[in-house]
Amino acid sequence: MACDLWLVPLVDVLCHSPDNPFSEELALYDKALHEAGLPSVPVYSYMPGLSGDVAPVAGFDYDALHFLRRAYLLQLCGLEVTPVDELGGDYEQLLEMFEPTAQASHLVWHYDHAGAYVPVDFPHPLSNEELLEGGGPLGSSHALLRELEYVAEAIGLDPANPPLPPAPPAAPTELEEPAAPAPADDGPFARERHVWLGLHQAATRSLAQGSMIIFS
């Protein structure tokens, strides 16, 4: 199944518009942030080169996303990071055995097909009933980037000098649609690397441009 990542510029031309399609979500995110003693989702009055246009930044399949989450959990828990061809019981066991660790991870504890990362730094994903009924836990772009950098070397990447990210999807993909094929990579962690590069591109642009990341 295909998973798209989109960047939503947090600029006033979009966020302060009465037609803002994300107004309800942003209100929920602000509420969760305020309850945690954190500032609101930032909205910028001007951002050079940006408009209010929402655009795709990366695409991959859901299994590959879970492969990367599995690798991160193994690394974080001091276990050997091994490649796999398909998701099996070991991933479910990891989630059960290390549930508090998983729930503290912005990479792992996030809905596959909804939810957001915002450019506000906080240590653990935010969760309340309203968030869980909608898009799931709210993540931090800062923390996501830190976690990606942490797991990079375990899957054969240099976080300080990663390869160029793959091109974003040419058009939105449907949930049941196959994901676009990943670029050629013969390594044992090819699928994990493909997702890593997409998420890394999204997180760095989220912080550089003042955008939030959404799954679709």
N, C-alpha and C. Protein backbone atom coordinates (compact mmCIF):
# COMPACT_ATOMS: atom_id res chain seq x y z
N MET A 1 0.84 -1.19 0.00
CA MET A 1 0.00 0.00 0.00
C MET A 1 0.87 1.24 0.00
N ALA A 2 0.42 2.25 -0.69
CA ALA A 2 1.21 3.46 -0.88
C ALA A 2 0.99 4.46 0.25
N CYS A 3 2.04 5.17 0.57
CA CYS A 3 2.01 6.20 1.60
C CYS A 3 2.67 7.45 1.03
N ASP A 4 1.96 8.56 1.06
CA ASP A 4 2.53 9.83 0.61
C ASP A 4 2.82 10.72 1.81
N LEU A 5 3.89 11.50 1.71
CA LEU A 5 4.18 12.55 2.68
C LEU A 5 4.01 13.89 1.98
N TRP A 6 3.32 14.81 2.65
CA TRP A 6 3.08 16.14 2.09
C TRP A 6 3.60 17.19 3.05
N LEU A 7 4.05 18.32 2.49
CA LEU A 7 4.45 19.46 3.29
C LEU A 7 3.37 20.54 3.20
N VAL A 8 2.96 21.02 4.37
CA VAL A 8 1.97 22.09 4.45
C VAL A 8 2.67 23.34 4.96
N PRO A 9 2.91 24.34 4.12
CA PRO A 9 3.60 25.55 4.58
C PRO A 9 2.78 26.27 5.65
N LEU A 10 3.41 26.57 6.75
CA LEU A 10 2.71 27.24 7.85
C LEU A 10 2.83 28.75 7.68
N VAL A 11 2.24 29.22 6.59
CA VAL A 11 2.27 30.64 6.27
C VAL A 11 0.87 31.22 6.41
N ASP A 12 0.81 32.52 6.69
CA ASP A 12 -0.48 33.12 6.99
C ASP A 12 -1.45 33.07 5.81
N VAL A 13 -0.91 33.07 4.58
CA VAL A 13 -1.80 33.04 3.42
C VAL A 13 -2.65 31.77 3.40
N LEU A 14 -2.15 30.70 3.99
CA LEU A 14 -2.92 29.46 4.12
C LEU A 14 -3.60 29.37 5.48
N CYS A 15 -2.81 29.52 6.55
CA CYS A 15 -3.32 29.24 7.90
C CYS A 15 -4.39 30.23 8.36
N HIS A 16 -4.32 31.47 7.88
CA HIS A 16 -5.30 32.48 8.29
C HIS A 16 -6.44 32.65 7.29
N SER A 17 -6.44 31.80 6.28
CA SER A 17 -7.51 31.86 5.29
C SER A 17 -8.76 31.18 5.82
N PRO A 18 -9.95 31.76 5.60
CA PRO A 18 -11.19 31.09 6.02
C PRO A 18 -11.41 29.76 5.31
N ASP A 19 -10.72 29.57 4.20
CA ASP A 19 -10.85 28.32 3.45
C ASP A 19 -9.76 27.32 3.78
N ASN A 20 -8.97 27.56 4.82
CA ASN A 20 -7.89 26.66 5.19
C ASN A 20 -8.43 25.25 5.46
N PRO A 21 -8.06 24.26 4.65
CA PRO A 21 -8.59 22.90 4.86
C PRO A 21 -8.01 22.21 6.09
N PHE A 22 -6.98 22.80 6.71
CA PHE A 22 -6.35 22.19 7.87
C PHE A 22 -6.70 22.91 9.18
N SER A 23 -7.69 23.78 9.14
CA SER A 23 -7.99 24.60 10.32
C SER A 23 -8.39 23.76 11.53
N GLU A 24 -9.20 22.71 11.32
CA GLU A 24 -9.62 21.87 12.44
C GLU A 24 -8.43 21.11 13.02
N GLU A 25 -7.59 20.58 12.15
CA GLU A 25 -6.41 19.85 12.62
C GLU A 25 -5.47 20.78 13.39
N LEU A 26 -5.23 21.97 12.87
CA LEU A 26 -4.33 22.90 13.55
C LEU A 26 -4.88 23.30 14.91
N ALA A 27 -6.20 23.44 15.03
CA ALA A 27 -6.79 23.75 16.33
C ALA A 27 -6.56 22.61 17.32
N LEU A 28 -6.67 21.36 16.85
CA LEU A 28 -6.41 20.20 17.72
C LEU A 28 -4.94 20.15 18.13
N TYR A 29 -4.04 20.45 17.18
CA TYR A 29 -2.62 20.42 17.49
C TYR A 29 -2.27 21.51 18.49
N ASP A 30 -2.83 22.70 18.31
CA ASP A 30 -2.58 23.79 19.27
C ASP A 30 -3.07 23.41 20.66
N LYS A 31 -4.23 22.78 20.73
CA LYS A 31 -4.78 22.38 22.03
C LYS A 31 -3.84 21.39 22.72
N ALA A 32 -3.36 20.39 21.97
CA ALA A 32 -2.46 19.39 22.54
C ALA A 32 -1.14 20.03 22.97
N LEU A 33 -0.64 20.95 22.17
CA LEU A 33 0.61 21.63 22.52
C LEU A 33 0.44 22.48 23.77
N HIS A 34 -0.67 23.21 23.86
CA HIS A 34 -0.91 24.06 25.03
C HIS A 34 -1.06 23.22 26.30
N GLU A 35 -1.75 22.07 26.18
CA GLU A 35 -1.92 21.19 27.34
C GLU A 35 -0.57 20.67 27.84
N ALA A 36 0.40 20.58 26.95
CA ALA A 36 1.75 20.12 27.31
C ALA A 36 2.66 21.29 27.69
N GLY A 37 2.11 22.49 27.75
CA GLY A 37 2.92 23.66 28.10
C GLY A 37 3.83 24.12 26.99
N LEU A 38 3.46 23.83 25.75
CA LEU A 38 4.29 24.17 24.59
C LEU A 38 3.65 25.29 23.78
N PRO A 39 4.44 25.97 22.94
CA PRO A 39 3.86 27.03 22.11
C PRO A 39 2.98 26.46 21.00
N SER A 40 2.18 27.31 20.43
CA SER A 40 1.31 26.91 19.32
C SER A 40 2.13 26.53 18.09
N VAL A 41 1.47 25.88 17.14
CA VAL A 41 2.08 25.63 15.84
C VAL A 41 2.45 26.99 15.25
N PRO A 42 3.71 27.20 14.86
CA PRO A 42 4.12 28.52 14.37
C PRO A 42 3.48 28.83 13.01
N VAL A 43 3.07 30.06 12.85
CA VAL A 43 2.55 30.55 11.57
C VAL A 43 3.38 31.76 11.18
N TYR A 44 3.91 31.74 9.96
CA TYR A 44 4.85 32.77 9.53
C TYR A 44 4.15 33.76 8.60
N SER A 45 4.48 35.03 8.79
CA SER A 45 3.86 36.06 7.97
C SER A 45 4.48 36.13 6.58
N TYR A 46 5.71 35.67 6.46
CA TYR A 46 6.36 35.71 5.14
C TYR A 46 7.44 34.64 5.12
N MET A 47 7.52 33.94 4.01
CA MET A 47 8.55 32.93 3.85
C MET A 47 9.03 32.98 2.40
N PRO A 48 10.25 33.44 2.16
CA PRO A 48 10.73 33.59 0.77
C PRO A 48 10.59 32.29 -0.02
N GLY A 49 10.02 32.41 -1.19
CA GLY A 49 9.91 31.25 -2.07
C GLY A 49 8.75 30.33 -1.78
N LEU A 50 7.99 30.61 -0.73
CA LEU A 50 6.87 29.74 -0.38
C LEU A 50 5.54 30.47 -0.56
N SER A 51 4.56 29.72 -0.94
CA SER A 51 3.18 30.22 -0.96
C SER A 51 2.39 29.35 0.00
N GLY A 52 1.11 29.33 -0.16
CA GLY A 52 0.30 28.45 0.67
C GLY A 52 0.06 27.10 0.03
N ASP A 53 0.83 26.78 -1.01
CA ASP A 53 0.60 25.53 -1.74
C ASP A 53 1.09 24.33 -0.95
N VAL A 54 0.24 23.32 -0.91
CA VAL A 54 0.58 22.05 -0.26
C VAL A 54 1.15 21.12 -1.33
N ALA A 55 2.28 20.48 -1.05
CA ALA A 55 2.94 19.69 -2.10
C ALA A 55 3.49 18.39 -1.54
N PRO A 56 3.51 17.32 -2.37
CA PRO A 56 4.11 16.07 -1.92
C PRO A 56 5.62 16.21 -1.81
N VAL A 57 6.20 15.50 -0.83
CA VAL A 57 7.64 15.56 -0.64
C VAL A 57 8.29 14.18 -0.75
N ALA A 58 7.51 13.11 -0.52
CA ALA A 58 8.07 11.76 -0.58
C ALA A 58 6.94 10.75 -0.70
N GLY A 59 7.30 9.56 -1.14
CA GLY A 59 6.35 8.46 -1.22
C GLY A 59 7.06 7.13 -1.03
N PHE A 60 6.37 6.19 -0.37
CA PHE A 60 6.94 4.85 -0.14
C PHE A 60 5.79 3.94 0.26
N ASP A 61 6.09 2.66 0.52
CA ASP A 61 5.00 1.78 0.92
C ASP A 61 5.02 1.56 2.43
N TYR A 62 3.87 1.19 2.95
CA TYR A 62 3.71 1.07 4.40
C TYR A 62 4.60 0.01 5.01
N ASP A 63 4.77 -1.11 4.32
CA ASP A 63 5.65 -2.16 4.87
C ASP A 63 7.06 -1.62 5.08
N ALA A 64 7.55 -0.87 4.09
CA ALA A 64 8.91 -0.32 4.19
C ALA A 64 9.01 0.65 5.36
N LEU A 65 7.95 1.41 5.62
CA LEU A 65 7.93 2.31 6.78
C LEU A 65 8.09 1.50 8.07
N HIS A 66 7.39 0.38 8.16
CA HIS A 66 7.51 -0.46 9.36
C HIS A 66 8.88 -1.14 9.44
N PHE A 67 9.48 -1.44 8.30
CA PHE A 67 10.84 -1.98 8.31
C PHE A 67 11.78 -0.99 9.00
N LEU A 68 11.64 0.30 8.64
CA LEU A 68 12.50 1.31 9.25
C LEU A 68 12.20 1.47 10.73
N ARG A 69 10.93 1.44 11.11
CA ARG A 69 10.57 1.53 12.52
C ARG A 69 11.15 0.34 13.29
N ARG A 70 11.11 -0.83 12.70
CA ARG A 70 11.69 -2.02 13.33
C ARG A 70 13.19 -1.84 13.55
N ALA A 71 13.88 -1.34 12.52
CA ALA A 71 15.33 -1.13 12.64
C ALA A 71 15.63 -0.13 13.75
N TYR A 72 14.84 0.92 13.85
CA TYR A 72 15.07 1.93 14.89
C TYR A 72 14.88 1.33 16.28
N LEU A 73 13.83 0.55 16.46
CA LEU A 73 13.59 -0.07 17.77
C LEU A 73 14.71 -1.03 18.14
N LEU A 74 15.16 -1.84 17.18
CA LEU A 74 16.26 -2.77 17.45
C LEU A 74 17.50 -1.99 17.88
N GLN A 75 17.83 -0.93 17.15
CA GLN A 75 19.01 -0.13 17.48
C GLN A 75 18.87 0.50 18.86
N LEU A 76 17.70 1.06 19.14
CA LEU A 76 17.49 1.76 20.40
C LEU A 76 17.54 0.81 21.58
N CYS A 77 17.09 -0.42 21.38
CA CYS A 77 17.04 -1.39 22.48
C CYS A 77 18.32 -2.22 22.60
N GLY A 78 19.35 -1.86 21.82
CA GLY A 78 20.63 -2.53 21.93
C GLY A 78 20.66 -3.91 21.30
N LEU A 79 19.76 -4.16 20.35
CA LEU A 79 19.70 -5.45 19.67
C LEU A 79 20.31 -5.33 18.27
N GLU A 80 20.67 -6.46 17.69
CA GLU A 80 21.28 -6.44 16.37
C GLU A 80 20.25 -6.00 15.33
N VAL A 81 20.65 -5.07 14.49
CA VAL A 81 19.76 -4.60 13.42
C VAL A 81 19.98 -5.51 12.22
N THR A 82 18.99 -6.36 11.95
CA THR A 82 19.09 -7.33 10.87
C THR A 82 18.05 -7.02 9.80
N PRO A 83 18.38 -7.31 8.53
CA PRO A 83 17.38 -7.08 7.47
C PRO A 83 16.32 -8.16 7.46
N VAL A 84 15.15 -7.82 6.94
CA VAL A 84 14.07 -8.79 6.78
C VAL A 84 13.43 -8.60 5.41
N ASP A 85 12.79 -9.67 4.92
CA ASP A 85 12.11 -9.60 3.63
C ASP A 85 10.64 -9.24 3.79
N GLU A 86 10.09 -9.55 4.96
CA GLU A 86 8.68 -9.23 5.22
C GLU A 86 8.49 -9.05 6.72
N LEU A 87 7.42 -8.35 7.08
CA LEU A 87 7.15 -8.13 8.49
C LEU A 87 6.68 -9.42 9.12
N GLY A 88 7.24 -9.74 10.26
CA GLY A 88 6.85 -10.97 10.94
C GLY A 88 6.58 -10.73 12.41
N GLY A 89 6.53 -11.81 13.15
CA GLY A 89 6.20 -11.74 14.56
C GLY A 89 7.23 -11.01 15.40
N ASP A 90 8.48 -10.94 14.93
CA ASP A 90 9.51 -10.29 15.75
C ASP A 90 9.21 -8.80 15.93
N TYR A 91 8.61 -8.18 14.91
CA TYR A 91 8.27 -6.76 15.01
C TYR A 91 7.15 -6.55 16.03
N GLU A 92 6.15 -7.41 15.98
CA GLU A 92 5.06 -7.32 16.95
C GLU A 92 5.58 -7.56 18.37
N GLN A 93 6.50 -8.51 18.51
CA GLN A 93 7.09 -8.77 19.82
C GLN A 93 7.89 -7.56 20.31
N LEU A 94 8.62 -6.92 19.40
CA LEU A 94 9.36 -5.72 19.77
C LEU A 94 8.42 -4.64 20.31
N LEU A 95 7.31 -4.44 19.60
CA LEU A 95 6.35 -3.41 20.01
C LEU A 95 5.74 -3.73 21.36
N GLU A 96 5.51 -5.03 21.63
CA GLU A 96 4.92 -5.43 22.90
C GLU A 96 5.94 -5.36 24.04
N MET A 97 7.14 -5.87 23.78
CA MET A 97 8.16 -5.94 24.82
C MET A 97 8.67 -4.55 25.21
N PHE A 98 8.76 -3.68 24.22
CA PHE A 98 9.33 -2.35 24.46
C PHE A 98 8.29 -1.27 24.18
N GLU A 99 7.07 -1.52 24.63
CA GLU A 99 5.98 -0.59 24.33
C GLU A 99 6.25 0.83 24.84
N PRO A 100 6.72 1.00 26.10
CA PRO A 100 7.01 2.38 26.54
C PRO A 100 8.05 3.07 25.67
N THR A 101 9.07 2.31 25.22
CA THR A 101 10.09 2.88 24.34
C THR A 101 9.47 3.25 23.00
N ALA A 102 8.63 2.37 22.46
CA ALA A 102 7.97 2.66 21.18
C ALA A 102 7.07 3.88 21.29
N GLN A 103 6.34 4.00 22.39
CA GLN A 103 5.42 5.12 22.55
C GLN A 103 6.14 6.45 22.75
N ALA A 104 7.41 6.40 23.09
CA ALA A 104 8.19 7.63 23.25
C ALA A 104 8.89 8.04 21.95
N SER A 105 8.73 7.24 20.90
CA SER A 105 9.43 7.50 19.64
C SER A 105 8.52 8.22 18.65
N HIS A 106 9.01 9.31 18.10
CA HIS A 106 8.24 10.06 17.09
C HIS A 106 8.20 9.30 15.77
N LEU A 107 9.23 8.53 15.48
CA LEU A 107 9.25 7.73 14.26
C LEU A 107 8.30 6.54 14.35
N VAL A 108 8.31 5.86 15.49
CA VAL A 108 7.55 4.62 15.63
C VAL A 108 6.09 4.88 15.98
N TRP A 109 5.85 5.76 16.96
CA TRP A 109 4.50 5.91 17.51
C TRP A 109 3.74 6.98 16.73
N HIS A 110 3.30 6.59 15.53
CA HIS A 110 2.61 7.53 14.65
C HIS A 110 1.73 6.72 13.72
N TYR A 111 0.55 7.24 13.44
CA TYR A 111 -0.34 6.53 12.52
C TYR A 111 0.30 6.46 11.14
N ASP A 112 0.03 5.36 10.43
CA ASP A 112 0.63 5.16 9.11
C ASP A 112 0.04 6.07 8.05
N HIS A 113 -1.22 6.38 8.17
CA HIS A 113 -1.96 6.97 7.06
C HIS A 113 -2.56 8.33 7.39
N ALA A 114 -2.21 8.90 8.54
CA ALA A 114 -2.77 10.18 8.96
C ALA A 114 -1.84 10.80 9.98
N GLY A 115 -2.25 11.95 10.53
CA GLY A 115 -1.44 12.58 11.56
C GLY A 115 -0.41 13.51 10.97
N ALA A 116 0.37 14.13 11.86
CA ALA A 116 1.30 15.17 11.40
C ALA A 116 2.52 15.26 12.29
N TYR A 117 3.55 15.88 11.73
CA TYR A 117 4.71 16.34 12.49
C TYR A 117 4.76 17.86 12.33
N VAL A 118 4.96 18.56 13.42
CA VAL A 118 5.00 20.02 13.37
C VAL A 118 6.39 20.51 13.80
N PRO A 119 6.82 21.68 13.30
CA PRO A 119 8.16 22.20 13.64
C PRO A 119 8.20 22.85 15.02
N VAL A 120 7.87 22.06 16.02
CA VAL A 120 7.96 22.46 17.43
C VAL A 120 8.71 21.33 18.12
N ASP A 121 9.70 21.67 18.94
CA ASP A 121 10.53 20.64 19.57
C ASP A 121 9.93 20.20 20.90
N PHE A 122 9.61 18.92 21.02
CA PHE A 122 9.15 18.36 22.29
C PHE A 122 9.61 16.91 22.37
N PRO A 123 9.82 16.38 23.58
CA PRO A 123 10.54 15.10 23.72
C PRO A 123 9.76 13.86 23.30
N HIS A 124 8.46 13.82 23.57
CA HIS A 124 7.68 12.62 23.28
C HIS A 124 6.46 12.98 22.44
N PRO A 125 5.97 12.05 21.61
CA PRO A 125 4.75 12.33 20.85
C PRO A 125 3.60 12.73 21.77
N LEU A 126 2.79 13.66 21.32
CA LEU A 126 1.65 14.13 22.11
C LEU A 126 0.41 13.34 21.73
N SER A 127 -0.38 13.01 22.73
CA SER A 127 -1.57 12.19 22.47
C SER A 127 -2.68 12.58 23.42
N ASN A 128 -3.88 12.68 22.90
CA ASN A 128 -5.08 12.81 23.72
C ASN A 128 -6.23 12.17 22.94
N GLU A 129 -7.41 12.12 23.54
CA GLU A 129 -8.53 11.42 22.91
C GLU A 129 -8.88 12.02 21.56
N GLU A 130 -8.84 13.34 21.47
CA GLU A 130 -9.21 13.98 20.20
C GLU A 130 -8.22 13.65 19.10
N LEU A 131 -6.94 13.64 19.44
CA LEU A 131 -5.93 13.29 18.45
C LEU A 131 -6.08 11.84 18.00
N LEU A 132 -6.30 10.95 18.96
CA LEU A 132 -6.39 9.52 18.63
C LEU A 132 -7.63 9.21 17.81
N GLU A 133 -8.68 10.00 17.97
CA GLU A 133 -9.89 9.80 17.16
C GLU A 133 -9.70 10.27 15.73
N GLY A 134 -8.72 11.14 15.53
CA GLY A 134 -8.48 11.68 14.20
C GLY A 134 -7.22 11.15 13.59
N GLY A 135 -6.16 11.96 13.65
CA GLY A 135 -4.93 11.61 12.96
C GLY A 135 -3.92 10.85 13.78
N GLY A 136 -4.20 10.62 15.06
CA GLY A 136 -3.23 9.90 15.88
C GLY A 136 -2.27 10.83 16.57
N PRO A 137 -1.26 10.28 17.25
CA PRO A 137 -0.30 11.08 18.01
C PRO A 137 0.34 12.17 17.15
N LEU A 138 0.64 13.30 17.77
CA LEU A 138 1.28 14.42 17.08
C LEU A 138 2.79 14.35 17.30
N GLY A 139 3.55 14.40 16.22
CA GLY A 139 4.99 14.29 16.32
C GLY A 139 5.69 15.62 16.12
N SER A 140 6.97 15.65 16.49
CA SER A 140 7.83 16.82 16.33
C SER A 140 8.80 16.58 15.19
N SER A 141 8.90 17.53 14.27
CA SER A 141 9.85 17.41 13.17
C SER A 141 11.29 17.37 13.69
N HIS A 142 11.57 18.15 14.74
CA HIS A 142 12.90 18.14 15.34
C HIS A 142 13.26 16.74 15.84
N ALA A 143 12.35 16.15 16.61
CA ALA A 143 12.61 14.84 17.20
C ALA A 143 12.68 13.75 16.13
N LEU A 144 11.82 13.85 15.11
CA LEU A 144 11.87 12.89 14.01
C LEU A 144 13.25 12.92 13.36
N LEU A 145 13.77 14.11 13.12
CA LEU A 145 15.09 14.23 12.49
C LEU A 145 16.17 13.61 13.37
N ARG A 146 16.10 13.85 14.68
CA ARG A 146 17.10 13.26 15.59
C ARG A 146 17.04 11.73 15.54
N GLU A 147 15.84 11.17 15.49
CA GLU A 147 15.71 9.70 15.48
C GLU A 147 16.20 9.12 14.15
N LEU A 148 15.94 9.82 13.06
CA LEU A 148 16.46 9.36 11.77
C LEU A 148 17.98 9.37 11.76
N GLU A 149 18.57 10.41 12.32
CA GLU A 149 20.03 10.47 12.37
C GLU A 149 20.60 9.36 13.26
N TYR A 150 19.86 9.00 14.30
CA TYR A 150 20.31 7.96 15.23
C TYR A 150 20.39 6.59 14.54
N VAL A 151 19.41 6.28 13.70
CA VAL A 151 19.34 4.94 13.10
C VAL A 151 20.09 4.87 11.77
N ALA A 152 20.54 5.98 11.24
CA ALA A 152 21.08 6.02 9.88
C ALA A 152 22.22 5.02 9.66
N GLU A 153 23.24 5.04 10.51
CA GLU A 153 24.41 4.20 10.28
C GLU A 153 24.06 2.71 10.35
N ALA A 154 23.06 2.36 11.15
CA ALA A 154 22.68 0.94 11.27
C ALA A 154 22.12 0.40 9.97
N ILE A 155 21.62 1.28 9.09
CA ILE A 155 21.08 0.82 7.81
C ILE A 155 21.97 1.26 6.65
N GLY A 156 23.20 1.66 6.98
CA GLY A 156 24.18 1.93 5.94
C GLY A 156 24.16 3.33 5.36
N LEU A 157 23.72 4.32 6.12
CA LEU A 157 23.69 5.70 5.66
C LEU A 157 24.56 6.59 6.54
N ASP A 158 25.14 7.60 5.94
CA ASP A 158 25.87 8.62 6.69
C ASP A 158 24.92 9.79 6.91
N PRO A 159 24.46 10.01 8.15
CA PRO A 159 23.47 11.07 8.37
C PRO A 159 23.98 12.47 8.05
N ALA A 160 25.31 12.64 8.07
CA ALA A 160 25.88 13.95 7.76
C ALA A 160 26.01 14.18 6.26
N ASN A 161 25.94 13.11 5.48
CA ASN A 161 26.10 13.23 4.03
C ASN A 161 25.24 12.18 3.32
N PRO A 162 23.92 12.28 3.45
CA PRO A 162 23.07 11.25 2.85
C PRO A 162 22.98 11.42 1.34
N PRO A 163 22.61 10.36 0.63
CA PRO A 163 22.40 10.48 -0.83
C PRO A 163 21.24 11.43 -1.11
N LEU A 164 21.12 11.81 -2.37
CA LEU A 164 19.99 12.64 -2.76
C LEU A 164 18.69 11.88 -2.52
N PRO A 165 17.66 12.55 -2.04
CA PRO A 165 16.39 11.85 -1.80
C PRO A 165 15.71 11.52 -3.12
N PRO A 166 14.86 10.50 -3.13
CA PRO A 166 14.12 10.18 -4.35
C PRO A 166 13.12 11.29 -4.67
N ALA A 167 12.71 11.35 -5.91
CA ALA A 167 11.73 12.35 -6.33
C ALA A 167 10.39 12.08 -5.66
N PRO A 168 9.63 13.13 -5.35
CA PRO A 168 8.31 12.92 -4.76
C PRO A 168 7.35 12.32 -5.78
N PRO A 169 6.22 11.78 -5.34
CA PRO A 169 5.24 11.23 -6.29
C PRO A 169 4.79 12.31 -7.27
N ALA A 170 4.59 11.90 -8.51
CA ALA A 170 4.14 12.85 -9.53
C ALA A 170 2.69 13.26 -9.31
N ALA A 171 1.93 12.39 -8.66
CA ALA A 171 0.52 12.66 -8.38
C ALA A 171 0.15 11.92 -7.11
N PRO A 172 -0.91 12.34 -6.41
CA PRO A 172 -1.33 11.63 -5.19
C PRO A 172 -1.62 10.17 -5.48
N THR A 173 -1.23 9.30 -4.55
CA THR A 173 -1.51 7.87 -4.69
C THR A 173 -2.60 7.46 -3.73
N GLU A 174 -3.41 6.54 -4.15
CA GLU A 174 -4.48 6.02 -3.31
C GLU A 174 -3.92 4.99 -2.33
N LEU A 175 -4.63 4.82 -1.21
CA LEU A 175 -4.17 3.93 -0.15
C LEU A 175 -3.91 2.52 -0.67
N GLU A 176 -4.82 1.98 -1.48
CA GLU A 176 -4.70 0.61 -1.96
C GLU A 176 -3.82 0.49 -3.19
N GLU A 177 -3.33 1.61 -3.68
CA GLU A 177 -2.49 1.61 -4.88
C GLU A 177 -1.07 1.19 -4.52
N PRO A 178 -0.41 0.42 -5.38
CA PRO A 178 0.99 0.07 -5.10
C PRO A 178 1.85 1.34 -5.07
N ALA A 179 2.81 1.36 -4.17
CA ALA A 179 3.74 2.49 -4.12
C ALA A 179 4.65 2.46 -5.34
N ALA A 180 5.12 3.62 -5.73
CA ALA A 180 6.07 3.69 -6.84
C ALA A 180 7.33 2.91 -6.48
N PRO A 181 7.94 2.23 -7.43
CA PRO A 181 9.14 1.44 -7.12
C PRO A 181 10.27 2.33 -6.60
N ALA A 182 11.01 1.79 -5.65
CA ALA A 182 12.15 2.52 -5.09
C ALA A 182 13.30 2.51 -6.09
N PRO A 183 14.19 3.50 -6.02
CA PRO A 183 15.38 3.48 -6.89
C PRO A 183 16.21 2.23 -6.66
N ALA A 184 16.99 1.85 -7.66
CA ALA A 184 17.82 0.63 -7.56
C ALA A 184 18.76 0.72 -6.37
N ASP A 185 18.75 -0.32 -5.55
CA ASP A 185 19.61 -0.40 -4.37
C ASP A 185 19.71 -1.86 -4.00
N ASP A 186 20.89 -2.45 -4.15
CA ASP A 186 21.08 -3.88 -3.92
C ASP A 186 21.39 -4.22 -2.46
N GLY A 187 21.46 -3.22 -1.59
CA GLY A 187 21.83 -3.48 -0.21
C GLY A 187 20.72 -4.16 0.57
N PRO A 188 21.08 -4.77 1.69
CA PRO A 188 20.08 -5.50 2.49
C PRO A 188 19.05 -4.59 3.15
N PHE A 189 19.34 -3.31 3.28
CA PHE A 189 18.42 -2.38 3.90
C PHE A 189 17.88 -1.37 2.89
N ALA A 190 17.71 -1.82 1.65
CA ALA A 190 17.30 -0.91 0.57
C ALA A 190 15.96 -0.23 0.88
N ARG A 191 14.99 -1.01 1.36
CA ARG A 191 13.67 -0.43 1.60
C ARG A 191 13.70 0.54 2.79
N GLU A 192 14.46 0.18 3.81
CA GLU A 192 14.59 1.08 4.96
C GLU A 192 15.24 2.40 4.54
N ARG A 193 16.26 2.30 3.69
CA ARG A 193 16.96 3.52 3.25
C ARG A 193 16.05 4.41 2.42
N HIS A 194 15.23 3.79 1.58
CA HIS A 194 14.32 4.57 0.74
C HIS A 194 13.36 5.39 1.61
N VAL A 195 12.79 4.77 2.63
CA VAL A 195 11.90 5.49 3.53
C VAL A 195 12.67 6.54 4.32
N TRP A 196 13.86 6.18 4.80
CA TRP A 196 14.67 7.13 5.57
C TRP A 196 14.92 8.40 4.77
N LEU A 197 15.29 8.25 3.50
CA LEU A 197 15.60 9.42 2.68
C LEU A 197 14.37 10.30 2.48
N GLY A 198 13.20 9.69 2.32
CA GLY A 198 11.98 10.47 2.18
C GLY A 198 11.62 11.20 3.45
N LEU A 199 11.70 10.51 4.58
CA LEU A 199 11.39 11.15 5.86
C LEU A 199 12.41 12.23 6.20
N HIS A 200 13.69 11.96 5.90
CA HIS A 200 14.75 12.94 6.18
C HIS A 200 14.52 14.21 5.36
N GLN A 201 14.17 14.04 4.10
CA GLN A 201 13.88 15.19 3.25
C GLN A 201 12.70 15.99 3.83
N ALA A 202 11.66 15.28 4.25
CA ALA A 202 10.49 15.96 4.81
C ALA A 202 10.84 16.71 6.09
N ALA A 203 11.60 16.06 6.98
CA ALA A 203 11.93 16.68 8.27
C ALA A 203 12.83 17.90 8.10
N THR A 204 13.83 17.79 7.24
CA THR A 204 14.73 18.92 7.06
C THR A 204 14.01 20.09 6.40
N ARG A 205 13.15 19.82 5.45
CA ARG A 205 12.41 20.91 4.82
C ARG A 205 11.35 21.48 5.76
N SER A 206 10.77 20.64 6.60
CA SER A 206 9.82 21.12 7.60
C SER A 206 10.46 22.17 8.49
N LEU A 207 11.70 21.90 8.93
CA LEU A 207 12.38 22.82 9.82
C LEU A 207 12.93 24.04 9.07
N ALA A 208 13.43 23.82 7.87
CA ALA A 208 14.02 24.93 7.12
C ALA A 208 12.97 25.91 6.61
N GLN A 209 11.81 25.38 6.22
CA GLN A 209 10.79 26.21 5.60
C GLN A 209 9.63 26.58 6.52
N GLY A 210 9.57 25.95 7.70
CA GLY A 210 8.44 26.20 8.57
C GLY A 210 7.17 25.55 8.04
N SER A 211 7.24 24.25 7.78
CA SER A 211 6.10 23.50 7.25
C SER A 211 5.77 22.36 8.19
N MET A 212 4.54 21.88 8.13
CA MET A 212 4.21 20.65 8.86
C MET A 212 4.13 19.51 7.86
N ILE A 213 4.44 18.32 8.35
CA ILE A 213 4.44 17.11 7.52
C ILE A 213 3.14 16.35 7.80
N ILE A 214 2.45 15.96 6.75
CA ILE A 214 1.26 15.14 6.93
C ILE A 214 1.38 13.86 6.12
N PHE A 215 0.82 12.78 6.66
CA PHE A 215 0.73 11.51 5.95
C PHE A 215 -0.58 11.47 5.20
N SER A 216 -0.58 10.81 4.05
CA SER A 216 -1.84 10.55 3.36
C SER A 216 -1.73 9.21 2.64
